[in-house]
Amino acid sequence: MLLTYILSEPDFFALAQVNTPVKGKGKTLKRLRVQQIFGALALILTGAFMFTTRGNEWIACLTIAAILELYTAFRIPQEEEKERA
């Protein structure tokens, strides 16, 4: 039960990001969107790595996912604002 709960929470987060429509049509915004989806999928992969690997490989995956998510969280609104102006 706990394993299902832990693996399902990032799933909802990733599904919410994948299903959110892109508000612009620029190349930069589309590239950032792909990076955001890749980061969300890496978070799901991290959850699986936590239980299936013996070492700390999941920490590297979590770090990469967190950096991608943080970067896109700031850059996507900036690019959307640029396109509106």
N, C-alpha and C. Protein backbone atom coordinates (compact mmCIF):
# COMPACT_ATOMS: atom_id res chain seq x y z
N MET A 1 0.83 -1.19 0.00
CA MET A 1 0.00 0.00 0.00
C MET A 1 0.88 1.25 0.00
N LEU A 2 1.90 1.28 0.86
CA LEU A 2 2.77 2.44 0.93
C LEU A 2 3.52 2.65 -0.38
N LEU A 3 3.99 1.56 -0.98
CA LEU A 3 4.71 1.66 -2.25
C LEU A 3 3.80 2.23 -3.34
N THR A 4 2.56 1.80 -3.37
CA THR A 4 1.60 2.33 -4.35
C THR A 4 1.38 3.82 -4.13
N TYR A 5 1.27 4.24 -2.88
CA TYR A 5 1.06 5.65 -2.56
C TYR A 5 2.26 6.49 -2.97
N ILE A 6 3.46 6.02 -2.68
CA ILE A 6 4.67 6.77 -3.00
C ILE A 6 4.85 6.90 -4.50
N LEU A 7 4.60 5.84 -5.23
CA LEU A 7 4.79 5.89 -6.68
C LEU A 7 3.64 6.60 -7.39
N SER A 8 2.48 6.71 -6.75
CA SER A 8 1.36 7.35 -7.44
C SER A 8 1.38 8.87 -7.31
N GLU A 9 1.96 9.42 -6.25
CA GLU A 9 2.00 10.87 -6.08
C GLU A 9 2.79 11.56 -7.19
N PRO A 10 4.01 11.11 -7.51
CA PRO A 10 4.70 11.75 -8.64
C PRO A 10 3.99 11.52 -9.96
N ASP A 11 3.24 10.40 -10.06
CA ASP A 11 2.50 10.15 -11.29
C ASP A 11 1.48 11.25 -11.54
N PHE A 12 0.75 11.65 -10.51
CA PHE A 12 -0.24 12.71 -10.67
C PHE A 12 0.43 14.03 -11.03
N PHE A 13 1.56 14.30 -10.43
CA PHE A 13 2.31 15.51 -10.73
C PHE A 13 2.76 15.51 -12.18
N ALA A 14 3.29 14.38 -12.64
CA ALA A 14 3.76 14.27 -14.03
C ALA A 14 2.59 14.37 -15.00
N LEU A 15 1.48 13.72 -14.68
CA LEU A 15 0.32 13.78 -15.57
C LEU A 15 -0.23 15.20 -15.65
N ALA A 16 -0.21 15.92 -14.54
CA ALA A 16 -0.68 17.30 -14.56
C ALA A 16 0.21 18.16 -15.45
N GLN A 17 1.50 17.94 -15.41
CA GLN A 17 2.41 18.72 -16.25
C GLN A 17 2.28 18.35 -17.71
N VAL A 18 2.12 17.08 -18.00
CA VAL A 18 2.01 16.65 -19.39
C VAL A 18 0.72 17.17 -20.02
N ASN A 19 -0.37 17.18 -19.25
CA ASN A 19 -1.67 17.58 -19.78
C ASN A 19 -1.90 19.09 -19.77
N THR A 20 -1.01 19.86 -19.18
CA THR A 20 -1.15 21.31 -19.19
C THR A 20 -0.82 21.82 -20.58
N PRO A 21 -1.72 22.59 -21.20
CA PRO A 21 -1.45 23.06 -22.56
C PRO A 21 -0.36 24.14 -22.58
N VAL A 22 0.34 24.21 -23.70
CA VAL A 22 1.36 25.23 -23.90
C VAL A 22 0.66 26.52 -24.30
N LYS A 23 1.00 27.65 -23.67
CA LYS A 23 0.32 28.91 -23.94
C LYS A 23 0.97 29.72 -25.05
N GLY A 24 2.06 29.26 -25.59
CA GLY A 24 2.75 29.98 -26.65
C GLY A 24 3.16 29.05 -27.77
N LYS A 25 3.67 29.65 -28.83
CA LYS A 25 4.06 28.84 -29.98
C LYS A 25 5.54 28.98 -30.32
N GLY A 26 6.30 29.66 -29.49
CA GLY A 26 7.71 29.86 -29.76
C GLY A 26 8.53 28.60 -29.58
N LYS A 27 9.67 28.56 -30.28
CA LYS A 27 10.55 27.40 -30.18
C LYS A 27 11.12 27.24 -28.78
N THR A 28 11.46 28.35 -28.16
CA THR A 28 12.04 28.29 -26.81
C THR A 28 11.04 27.74 -25.82
N LEU A 29 9.80 28.17 -25.95
CA LEU A 29 8.76 27.69 -25.03
C LEU A 29 8.50 26.20 -25.22
N LYS A 30 8.51 25.73 -26.44
CA LYS A 30 8.33 24.30 -26.70
C LYS A 30 9.50 23.49 -26.15
N ARG A 31 10.71 24.02 -26.29
CA ARG A 31 11.89 23.32 -25.76
C ARG A 31 11.81 23.24 -24.23
N LEU A 32 11.41 24.33 -23.59
CA LEU A 32 11.27 24.32 -22.14
C LEU A 32 10.19 23.35 -21.69
N ARG A 33 9.15 23.24 -22.47
CA ARG A 33 8.06 22.31 -22.15
C ARG A 33 8.55 20.87 -22.20
N VAL A 34 9.35 20.54 -23.20
CA VAL A 34 9.91 19.18 -23.30
C VAL A 34 10.83 18.92 -22.10
N GLN A 35 11.61 19.91 -21.71
CA GLN A 35 12.48 19.75 -20.53
C GLN A 35 11.65 19.54 -19.27
N GLN A 36 10.54 20.24 -19.16
CA GLN A 36 9.68 20.09 -17.99
C GLN A 36 9.08 18.68 -17.93
N ILE A 37 8.65 18.17 -19.05
CA ILE A 37 8.09 16.82 -19.09
C ILE A 37 9.17 15.79 -18.78
N PHE A 38 10.37 15.99 -19.32
CA PHE A 38 11.48 15.09 -19.02
C PHE A 38 11.79 15.09 -17.52
N GLY A 39 11.76 16.26 -16.90
CA GLY A 39 11.99 16.35 -15.45
C GLY A 39 10.93 15.61 -14.65
N ALA A 40 9.67 15.72 -15.08
CA ALA A 40 8.59 15.02 -14.39
C ALA A 40 8.74 13.51 -14.52
N LEU A 41 9.11 13.06 -15.69
CA LEU A 41 9.34 11.62 -15.88
C LEU A 41 10.54 11.15 -15.08
N ALA A 42 11.55 11.99 -14.95
CA ALA A 42 12.71 11.63 -14.12
C ALA A 42 12.32 11.51 -12.65
N LEU A 43 11.36 12.31 -12.21
CA LEU A 43 10.89 12.18 -10.83
C LEU A 43 10.20 10.83 -10.60
N ILE A 44 9.44 10.39 -11.58
CA ILE A 44 8.80 9.08 -11.48
C ILE A 44 9.87 7.98 -11.46
N LEU A 45 10.86 8.12 -12.32
CA LEU A 45 11.95 7.16 -12.36
C LEU A 45 12.71 7.13 -11.04
N THR A 46 12.86 8.28 -10.42
CA THR A 46 13.53 8.35 -9.12
C THR A 46 12.79 7.52 -8.07
N GLY A 47 11.47 7.61 -8.08
CA GLY A 47 10.68 6.81 -7.14
C GLY A 47 10.92 5.32 -7.31
N ALA A 48 11.03 4.89 -8.55
CA ALA A 48 11.31 3.47 -8.81
C ALA A 48 12.73 3.11 -8.38
N PHE A 49 13.68 4.00 -8.66
CA PHE A 49 15.08 3.74 -8.28
C PHE A 49 15.26 3.63 -6.77
N MET A 50 14.47 4.37 -6.02
CA MET A 50 14.61 4.33 -4.56
C MET A 50 14.39 2.93 -4.01
N PHE A 51 13.55 2.16 -4.66
CA PHE A 51 13.20 0.83 -4.14
C PHE A 51 13.89 -0.30 -4.88
N THR A 52 14.44 -0.03 -6.07
CA THR A 52 15.00 -1.14 -6.84
C THR A 52 16.52 -1.17 -6.87
N THR A 53 17.19 -0.07 -6.57
CA THR A 53 18.65 -0.07 -6.60
C THR A 53 19.20 -0.20 -5.19
N ARG A 54 20.39 -0.73 -5.11
CA ARG A 54 21.02 -0.92 -3.81
C ARG A 54 21.86 0.29 -3.38
N GLY A 55 22.33 1.05 -4.33
CA GLY A 55 23.17 2.20 -4.02
C GLY A 55 22.36 3.48 -3.97
N ASN A 56 23.05 4.56 -4.23
CA ASN A 56 22.42 5.87 -4.18
C ASN A 56 22.25 6.48 -5.57
N GLU A 57 21.99 5.65 -6.56
CA GLU A 57 21.81 6.15 -7.92
C GLU A 57 20.59 7.06 -8.01
N TRP A 58 19.60 6.82 -7.17
CA TRP A 58 18.38 7.62 -7.21
C TRP A 58 18.66 9.08 -6.86
N ILE A 59 19.71 9.33 -6.09
CA ILE A 59 20.03 10.71 -5.72
C ILE A 59 20.46 11.51 -6.95
N ALA A 60 21.21 10.90 -7.84
CA ALA A 60 21.62 11.58 -9.08
C ALA A 60 20.40 11.88 -9.94
N CYS A 61 19.51 10.92 -10.05
CA CYS A 61 18.30 11.11 -10.86
C CYS A 61 17.41 12.21 -10.25
N LEU A 62 17.29 12.22 -8.93
CA LEU A 62 16.50 13.24 -8.25
C LEU A 62 17.11 14.62 -8.44
N THR A 63 18.42 14.71 -8.40
CA THR A 63 19.10 15.99 -8.58
C THR A 63 18.86 16.54 -9.98
N ILE A 64 18.99 15.69 -10.97
CA ILE A 64 18.76 16.12 -12.36
C ILE A 64 17.31 16.57 -12.54
N ALA A 65 16.38 15.79 -12.02
CA ALA A 65 14.96 16.13 -12.14
C ALA A 65 14.64 17.44 -11.44
N ALA A 66 15.20 17.64 -10.25
CA ALA A 66 14.94 18.87 -9.50
C ALA A 66 15.50 20.10 -10.22
N ILE A 67 16.68 19.97 -10.79
CA ILE A 67 17.27 21.09 -11.53
C ILE A 67 16.42 21.43 -12.75
N LEU A 68 15.98 20.42 -13.49
CA LEU A 68 15.13 20.67 -14.66
C LEU A 68 13.80 21.31 -14.26
N GLU A 69 13.19 20.81 -13.22
CA GLU A 69 11.91 21.35 -12.78
C GLU A 69 12.06 22.80 -12.28
N LEU A 70 13.10 23.05 -11.53
CA LEU A 70 13.33 24.41 -11.02
C LEU A 70 13.62 25.39 -12.14
N TYR A 71 14.45 24.98 -13.08
CA TYR A 71 14.80 25.84 -14.21
C TYR A 71 13.57 26.17 -15.05
N THR A 72 12.79 25.15 -15.38
CA THR A 72 11.61 25.40 -16.22
C THR A 72 10.52 26.16 -15.47
N ALA A 73 10.46 26.00 -14.16
CA ALA A 73 9.45 26.72 -13.37
C ALA A 73 9.67 28.23 -13.45
N PHE A 74 10.90 28.66 -13.59
CA PHE A 74 11.17 30.10 -13.70
C PHE A 74 11.19 30.58 -15.14
N ARG A 75 11.68 29.76 -16.06
CA ARG A 75 11.85 30.20 -17.44
C ARG A 75 10.55 30.20 -18.25
N ILE A 76 9.66 29.25 -18.02
CA ILE A 76 8.42 29.21 -18.80
C ILE A 76 7.58 30.47 -18.59
N PRO A 77 7.35 30.93 -17.37
CA PRO A 77 6.60 32.19 -17.22
C PRO A 77 7.30 33.39 -17.87
N GLN A 78 8.62 33.42 -17.82
CA GLN A 78 9.35 34.51 -18.47
C GLN A 78 9.12 34.50 -19.98
N GLU A 79 9.19 33.34 -20.59
CA GLU A 79 8.99 33.24 -22.04
C GLU A 79 7.54 33.55 -22.42
N GLU A 80 6.59 33.12 -21.60
CA GLU A 80 5.19 33.45 -21.89
C GLU A 80 4.94 34.95 -21.81
N GLU A 81 5.58 35.59 -20.85
CA GLU A 81 5.46 37.05 -20.73
C GLU A 81 6.09 37.75 -21.94
N LYS A 82 7.21 37.25 -22.40
CA LYS A 82 7.86 37.82 -23.60
C LYS A 82 6.97 37.73 -24.82
N GLU A 83 6.31 36.59 -24.98
CA GLU A 83 5.44 36.40 -26.16
C GLU A 83 4.21 37.28 -26.10
N ARG A 84 3.71 37.55 -24.90
CA ARG A 84 2.55 38.43 -24.75
C ARG A 84 2.88 39.89 -25.07
N ALA A 85 4.10 40.27 -24.77
CA ALA A 85 4.50 41.68 -24.96
C ALA A 85 4.81 42.02 -26.40
